[in-house]
N, C-alpha and C. Protein backbone atom coordinates (compact mmCIF):
# COMPACT_ATOMS: atom_id res chain seq x y z
N MET A 1 -11.03 2.08 14.01
CA MET A 1 -10.21 2.01 12.65
C MET A 1 -11.26 1.96 11.47
N SER A 2 -11.13 2.78 10.56
CA SER A 2 -11.95 2.66 9.30
C SER A 2 -11.71 1.38 8.41
N GLU A 3 -12.54 1.10 7.68
CA GLU A 3 -12.74 0.01 6.96
C GLU A 3 -11.40 0.03 6.08
N GLN A 4 -11.17 1.18 5.43
CA GLN A 4 -10.18 1.37 4.33
C GLN A 4 -8.77 1.13 5.12
N SER A 5 -8.76 1.65 6.39
CA SER A 5 -7.29 1.79 7.00
C SER A 5 -7.18 0.06 7.60
N HIS A 6 -8.35 -0.48 7.91
CA HIS A 6 -8.23 -1.87 8.20
C HIS A 6 -7.51 -2.70 7.05
N PHE A 7 -7.94 -2.48 5.74
CA PHE A 7 -7.42 -3.31 4.80
C PHE A 7 -5.99 -2.91 4.62
N LYS A 8 -5.58 -1.60 4.75
CA LYS A 8 -4.18 -1.10 4.54
C LYS A 8 -3.12 -1.90 5.55
N THR A 9 -3.73 -2.18 6.59
CA THR A 9 -2.79 -3.00 7.55
C THR A 9 -2.66 -4.44 7.18
N GLN A 10 -3.47 -5.17 6.30
CA GLN A 10 -3.41 -6.31 5.80
C GLN A 10 -2.67 -6.51 4.71
N ARG A 11 -2.09 -5.45 3.82
CA ARG A 11 -1.69 -5.61 2.51
C ARG A 11 -0.15 -6.01 2.69
N ARG A 12 0.24 -6.90 1.59
CA ARG A 12 1.36 -7.49 1.70
C ARG A 12 2.49 -6.53 1.14
N TYR A 13 2.02 -5.91 0.17
CA TYR A 13 2.87 -4.79 -0.67
C TYR A 13 2.29 -3.49 -0.43
N PRO A 14 3.50 -2.53 -0.37
CA PRO A 14 2.99 -1.04 -0.41
C PRO A 14 2.24 -0.56 -1.64
N ARG A 15 1.26 0.26 -1.68
CA ARG A 15 0.62 0.75 -2.74
C ARG A 15 1.06 2.03 -2.95
N HIS A 16 1.01 2.36 -4.53
CA HIS A 16 1.56 3.66 -5.00
C HIS A 16 0.22 4.19 -5.43
N ASP A 17 -0.03 5.69 -5.04
CA ASP A 17 -1.22 6.43 -5.63
C ASP A 17 -1.13 6.69 -6.99
N VAL A 18 -2.19 6.42 -7.89
CA VAL A 18 -2.21 6.61 -9.22
C VAL A 18 -3.45 7.14 -9.62
N ASN A 19 -3.65 7.47 -10.93
CA ASN A 19 -4.85 7.76 -11.51
C ASN A 19 -4.71 7.07 -12.90
N ILE A 20 -5.16 5.77 -12.97
CA ILE A 20 -4.81 5.03 -14.33
C ILE A 20 -6.15 4.28 -14.51
N GLN A 21 -6.27 4.63 -15.90
CA GLN A 21 -7.70 3.98 -16.46
C GLN A 21 -7.53 2.43 -16.61
N VAL A 22 -8.41 1.81 -16.31
CA VAL A 22 -8.39 0.21 -16.26
C VAL A 22 -9.74 -0.11 -16.88
N GLY A 23 -9.44 -1.34 -17.55
CA GLY A 23 -10.80 -1.95 -17.93
C GLY A 23 -10.97 -3.40 -17.14
N VAL A 24 -11.98 -3.34 -16.53
CA VAL A 24 -12.41 -4.78 -15.82
C VAL A 24 -13.27 -5.63 -16.36
N ILE A 25 -13.09 -6.75 -16.59
CA ILE A 25 -14.12 -7.73 -17.09
C ILE A 25 -14.46 -8.77 -16.02
N HIS A 26 -15.76 -8.73 -15.66
CA HIS A 26 -16.42 -9.38 -14.66
C HIS A 26 -17.68 -10.42 -15.40
N ARG A 27 -17.68 -11.55 -15.34
CA ARG A 27 -18.69 -12.43 -15.90
C ARG A 27 -19.09 -11.80 -17.47
N LEU A 28 -17.98 -11.74 -18.12
CA LEU A 28 -18.19 -11.37 -19.58
C LEU A 28 -18.67 -10.03 -19.83
N LYS A 29 -18.91 -9.12 -18.84
CA LYS A 29 -19.07 -7.79 -18.80
C LYS A 29 -18.07 -6.86 -18.71
N TYR A 30 -17.88 -5.76 -19.56
CA TYR A 30 -16.51 -4.93 -19.57
C TYR A 30 -17.04 -3.69 -19.05
N LYS A 31 -16.27 -3.07 -18.07
CA LYS A 31 -16.35 -1.65 -17.51
C LYS A 31 -15.07 -1.03 -17.52
N LEU A 32 -14.99 0.15 -18.13
CA LEU A 32 -13.85 1.13 -18.21
C LEU A 32 -14.15 1.95 -16.76
N THR A 33 -12.92 2.11 -15.94
CA THR A 33 -13.19 2.76 -14.86
C THR A 33 -11.47 3.36 -14.54
N TYR A 34 -11.30 3.67 -13.28
CA TYR A 34 -9.83 4.14 -12.72
C TYR A 34 -9.24 3.48 -11.57
N ALA A 35 -8.09 3.08 -11.66
CA ALA A 35 -7.29 2.64 -10.27
C ALA A 35 -6.94 3.90 -9.68
N THR A 36 -6.93 3.80 -8.35
CA THR A 36 -6.50 4.91 -7.60
C THR A 36 -5.36 4.47 -6.67
N GLN A 37 -4.84 3.15 -6.72
CA GLN A 37 -3.71 2.71 -6.13
C GLN A 37 -3.37 1.47 -6.80
N LEU A 38 -1.79 1.01 -6.71
CA LEU A 38 -1.35 0.19 -7.30
C LEU A 38 -0.12 -0.47 -6.65
N SER A 39 0.05 -1.72 -6.67
CA SER A 39 1.16 -2.29 -6.06
C SER A 39 1.53 -3.77 -6.92
N GLU A 40 2.62 -4.12 -6.49
CA GLU A 40 3.13 -5.62 -7.13
C GLU A 40 2.00 -6.48 -6.95
N GLY A 41 1.00 -6.48 -5.99
CA GLY A 41 0.13 -7.44 -5.63
C GLY A 41 -1.25 -7.01 -5.96
N GLY A 42 -1.60 -5.90 -6.36
CA GLY A 42 -3.02 -5.57 -6.73
C GLY A 42 -3.25 -3.97 -6.82
N MET A 43 -4.55 -3.78 -6.73
CA MET A 43 -5.12 -2.46 -6.92
C MET A 43 -6.16 -2.28 -6.11
N LEU A 44 -6.22 -0.74 -6.13
CA LEU A 44 -7.68 -0.26 -5.52
C LEU A 44 -8.28 0.30 -6.83
N VAL A 45 -9.71 0.06 -7.12
CA VAL A 45 -10.27 0.42 -8.25
C VAL A 45 -11.72 0.92 -7.88
N TYR A 46 -11.82 2.28 -8.34
CA TYR A 46 -13.44 2.88 -8.38
C TYR A 46 -14.15 2.10 -9.27
N SER A 47 -15.13 1.29 -8.76
CA SER A 47 -16.01 0.48 -9.27
C SER A 47 -17.15 0.86 -9.76
N GLY A 48 -17.99 1.71 -8.83
CA GLY A 48 -19.41 1.93 -8.99
C GLY A 48 -20.48 0.81 -8.97
N ILE A 49 -19.81 -0.42 -8.87
CA ILE A 49 -20.45 -1.66 -8.69
C ILE A 49 -20.08 -2.33 -7.50
N ASP A 50 -20.95 -3.12 -6.97
CA ASP A 50 -20.62 -4.00 -5.78
C ASP A 50 -20.08 -5.23 -6.25
N TYR A 51 -18.96 -5.54 -6.73
CA TYR A 51 -18.53 -6.95 -7.09
C TYR A 51 -18.49 -7.74 -5.97
N PRO A 52 -18.93 -8.85 -6.03
CA PRO A 52 -18.71 -9.88 -4.98
C PRO A 52 -17.38 -10.18 -4.49
N VAL A 53 -17.15 -10.24 -3.27
CA VAL A 53 -15.73 -10.69 -2.80
C VAL A 53 -15.60 -12.09 -3.18
N GLY A 54 -14.37 -12.32 -3.54
CA GLY A 54 -13.99 -13.70 -3.90
C GLY A 54 -14.25 -13.90 -5.41
N GLU A 55 -14.85 -13.00 -6.26
CA GLU A 55 -15.06 -13.26 -7.66
C GLU A 55 -13.90 -12.90 -8.60
N PRO A 56 -13.57 -13.70 -9.55
CA PRO A 56 -12.40 -13.41 -10.40
C PRO A 56 -12.79 -12.35 -11.22
N VAL A 57 -11.87 -11.62 -11.73
CA VAL A 57 -11.72 -10.56 -12.82
C VAL A 57 -10.65 -10.46 -13.62
N GLU A 58 -10.92 -9.91 -14.82
CA GLU A 58 -9.76 -9.70 -15.74
C GLU A 58 -9.38 -8.28 -15.76
N ILE A 59 -8.21 -7.71 -15.70
CA ILE A 59 -7.89 -6.28 -15.79
C ILE A 59 -6.94 -6.01 -16.82
N GLY A 60 -7.24 -4.89 -17.63
CA GLY A 60 -6.36 -4.40 -18.54
C GLY A 60 -5.82 -2.89 -18.35
N PHE A 61 -4.57 -2.42 -18.23
CA PHE A 61 -4.43 -1.03 -17.93
C PHE A 61 -2.85 -0.91 -18.68
N VAL A 62 -2.49 0.40 -18.71
CA VAL A 62 -1.30 0.93 -19.07
C VAL A 62 -0.39 1.42 -17.86
N LEU A 63 0.53 0.58 -17.88
CA LEU A 63 1.58 0.79 -16.61
C LEU A 63 2.56 1.96 -17.24
N PRO A 64 2.49 3.12 -16.47
CA PRO A 64 3.26 4.26 -16.46
C PRO A 64 4.76 3.75 -16.04
N PRO A 65 5.73 4.39 -16.29
CA PRO A 65 5.80 5.62 -17.09
C PRO A 65 6.14 5.07 -18.61
N GLU A 66 6.48 3.62 -18.84
CA GLU A 66 6.87 3.31 -20.12
C GLU A 66 5.56 2.98 -21.11
N ASN A 67 4.27 3.26 -20.43
CA ASN A 67 3.17 3.03 -21.16
C ASN A 67 3.11 1.50 -21.69
N LYS A 68 3.27 0.69 -20.92
CA LYS A 68 3.17 -0.58 -21.45
C LYS A 68 1.87 -1.36 -21.07
N LEU A 69 1.16 -1.93 -21.98
CA LEU A 69 -0.17 -2.46 -21.92
C LEU A 69 -0.04 -3.74 -21.07
N VAL A 70 -0.82 -3.97 -20.04
CA VAL A 70 -0.54 -5.08 -19.14
C VAL A 70 -2.07 -5.62 -18.98
N PHE A 71 -2.12 -6.82 -19.01
CA PHE A 71 -3.42 -7.60 -18.76
C PHE A 71 -2.83 -8.72 -17.54
N VAL A 72 -3.92 -8.82 -16.49
CA VAL A 72 -3.70 -9.77 -15.48
C VAL A 72 -5.13 -10.10 -14.97
N ASN A 73 -5.08 -11.38 -14.33
CA ASN A 73 -6.21 -11.68 -13.63
C ASN A 73 -6.22 -11.36 -12.11
N GLY A 74 -7.40 -11.22 -11.70
CA GLY A 74 -7.30 -10.79 -10.26
C GLY A 74 -8.65 -11.48 -9.78
N GLU A 75 -8.68 -11.14 -8.26
CA GLU A 75 -9.72 -11.46 -7.57
C GLU A 75 -10.13 -10.28 -6.59
N ILE A 76 -11.58 -10.14 -6.31
CA ILE A 76 -11.97 -9.23 -5.69
C ILE A 76 -11.82 -9.61 -4.11
N VAL A 77 -11.07 -8.80 -3.32
CA VAL A 77 -10.57 -9.35 -1.99
C VAL A 77 -11.56 -8.29 -0.98
N TYR A 78 -11.87 -7.29 -1.43
CA TYR A 78 -12.97 -6.43 -0.36
C TYR A 78 -13.73 -5.37 -1.28
N SER A 79 -14.64 -4.76 -0.69
CA SER A 79 -15.44 -3.82 -1.43
C SER A 79 -15.79 -2.86 -0.42
N PHE A 80 -15.84 -1.61 -0.61
CA PHE A 80 -16.27 -0.68 0.22
C PHE A 80 -17.01 0.62 -0.22
N LEU A 81 -17.86 1.28 0.46
CA LEU A 81 -18.68 2.48 0.06
C LEU A 81 -18.02 3.62 0.77
N THR A 82 -17.55 4.67 0.22
CA THR A 82 -17.15 5.80 1.07
C THR A 82 -18.29 6.72 1.54
N LYS A 83 -17.93 7.67 2.62
CA LYS A 83 -19.07 8.66 2.81
C LYS A 83 -19.70 9.15 1.98
N ASN A 84 -18.99 9.64 0.99
CA ASN A 84 -19.73 10.15 -0.33
C ASN A 84 -20.36 9.16 -1.26
N SER A 85 -20.60 7.92 -0.77
CA SER A 85 -21.28 6.98 -1.70
C SER A 85 -20.58 6.51 -3.10
N PHE A 86 -19.13 6.53 -2.87
CA PHE A 86 -18.41 6.10 -3.89
C PHE A 86 -18.01 4.43 -3.77
N ARG A 87 -18.14 3.65 -4.56
CA ARG A 87 -17.91 2.26 -4.30
C ARG A 87 -16.49 1.98 -4.87
N TYR A 88 -15.58 1.28 -4.14
CA TYR A 88 -14.30 1.00 -4.44
C TYR A 88 -14.14 -0.50 -4.19
N VAL A 89 -13.28 -1.20 -4.99
CA VAL A 89 -12.95 -2.66 -4.68
C VAL A 89 -11.59 -2.82 -4.56
N GLY A 90 -11.15 -3.62 -3.81
CA GLY A 90 -9.65 -4.12 -3.74
C GLY A 90 -9.56 -5.33 -4.37
N ILE A 91 -8.51 -5.42 -5.34
CA ILE A 91 -8.27 -6.57 -6.18
C ILE A 91 -6.98 -6.92 -6.18
N ARG A 92 -6.90 -8.26 -5.82
CA ARG A 92 -5.61 -9.06 -5.80
C ARG A 92 -5.16 -9.59 -7.13
N PHE A 93 -3.93 -9.58 -7.50
CA PHE A 93 -3.72 -10.05 -8.86
C PHE A 93 -3.10 -11.63 -8.55
N VAL A 94 -3.76 -12.41 -9.39
CA VAL A 94 -3.43 -13.84 -9.11
C VAL A 94 -2.70 -14.37 -10.47
N ASP A 95 -1.85 -15.38 -10.52
CA ASP A 95 -1.28 -16.03 -11.68
C ASP A 95 -0.42 -14.94 -12.40
N ILE A 96 0.15 -13.92 -11.82
CA ILE A 96 0.96 -12.81 -12.31
C ILE A 96 2.46 -13.34 -12.59
N THR A 97 2.97 -13.13 -13.60
CA THR A 97 4.51 -13.50 -14.10
C THR A 97 5.31 -12.87 -13.02
N HIS A 98 6.34 -13.47 -12.88
CA HIS A 98 7.52 -12.77 -12.00
C HIS A 98 8.03 -11.39 -12.63
N ARG A 99 7.95 -11.35 -14.02
CA ARG A 99 8.58 -10.13 -14.69
C ARG A 99 7.65 -9.10 -14.47
N LEU A 100 6.41 -9.34 -14.58
CA LEU A 100 5.26 -8.27 -14.31
C LEU A 100 5.45 -7.74 -12.83
N GLN A 101 5.56 -8.80 -12.03
CA GLN A 101 5.47 -8.34 -10.56
C GLN A 101 6.56 -7.54 -10.26
N GLU A 102 7.82 -7.82 -11.04
CA GLU A 102 9.06 -7.02 -10.63
C GLU A 102 8.73 -5.70 -11.19
N GLN A 103 8.27 -5.70 -12.40
CA GLN A 103 7.94 -4.07 -13.01
C GLN A 103 7.03 -3.32 -12.24
N LEU A 104 5.85 -4.22 -11.48
CA LEU A 104 5.13 -3.43 -10.66
C LEU A 104 5.63 -2.87 -9.22
N ARG A 105 6.92 -3.70 -8.76
CA ARG A 105 7.30 -3.38 -7.62
C ARG A 105 8.28 -2.25 -7.82
N ILE A 106 9.03 -2.23 -8.83
CA ILE A 106 9.80 -1.19 -9.29
C ILE A 106 9.00 0.26 -9.45
N PHE A 107 7.88 0.08 -10.06
CA PHE A 107 7.01 1.25 -10.41
C PHE A 107 6.50 1.60 -8.96
N ALA A 108 6.04 0.85 -8.17
CA ALA A 108 5.55 1.40 -6.76
C ALA A 108 6.43 1.81 -5.81
N GLN A 109 7.87 1.67 -6.07
CA GLN A 109 8.94 2.32 -5.33
C GLN A 109 9.12 3.74 -5.86
N GLN A 110 8.63 4.18 -7.06
CA GLN A 110 8.87 5.45 -7.44
C GLN A 110 7.89 6.45 -6.49
N PRO A 111 8.26 7.73 -6.75
CA PRO A 111 7.62 8.89 -6.25
C PRO A 111 6.13 8.66 -6.80
N SER A 112 5.12 9.15 -6.21
CA SER A 112 3.74 9.32 -6.75
C SER A 112 3.63 10.08 -8.12
N LEU A 113 2.65 9.54 -8.95
CA LEU A 113 2.63 10.43 -10.05
C LEU A 113 1.54 11.81 -9.91
């Protein structure tokens, strides 16, 4: 089983394939990057940086299709390097409002963009 498929089996919520620009703040440093998957519980982000597992992050992104600007706290739950040497991190949302979680659930149930 690949590392990425191992994490898929541990997810609480189904993920939606996306290509969304996100801003990540970690230890007061800002990085603009892209999310490739999104669910009501977290996201997969191309990071280029090996963020330590367990570290808190702040994330900002625009939620399609309504283009709503969203800010959420998260925690790095895993990090992996692809065969092509691309670094990705899995981020779990923490302290998320019920309303935002519901909006993300509805979004994740839609066909992929």
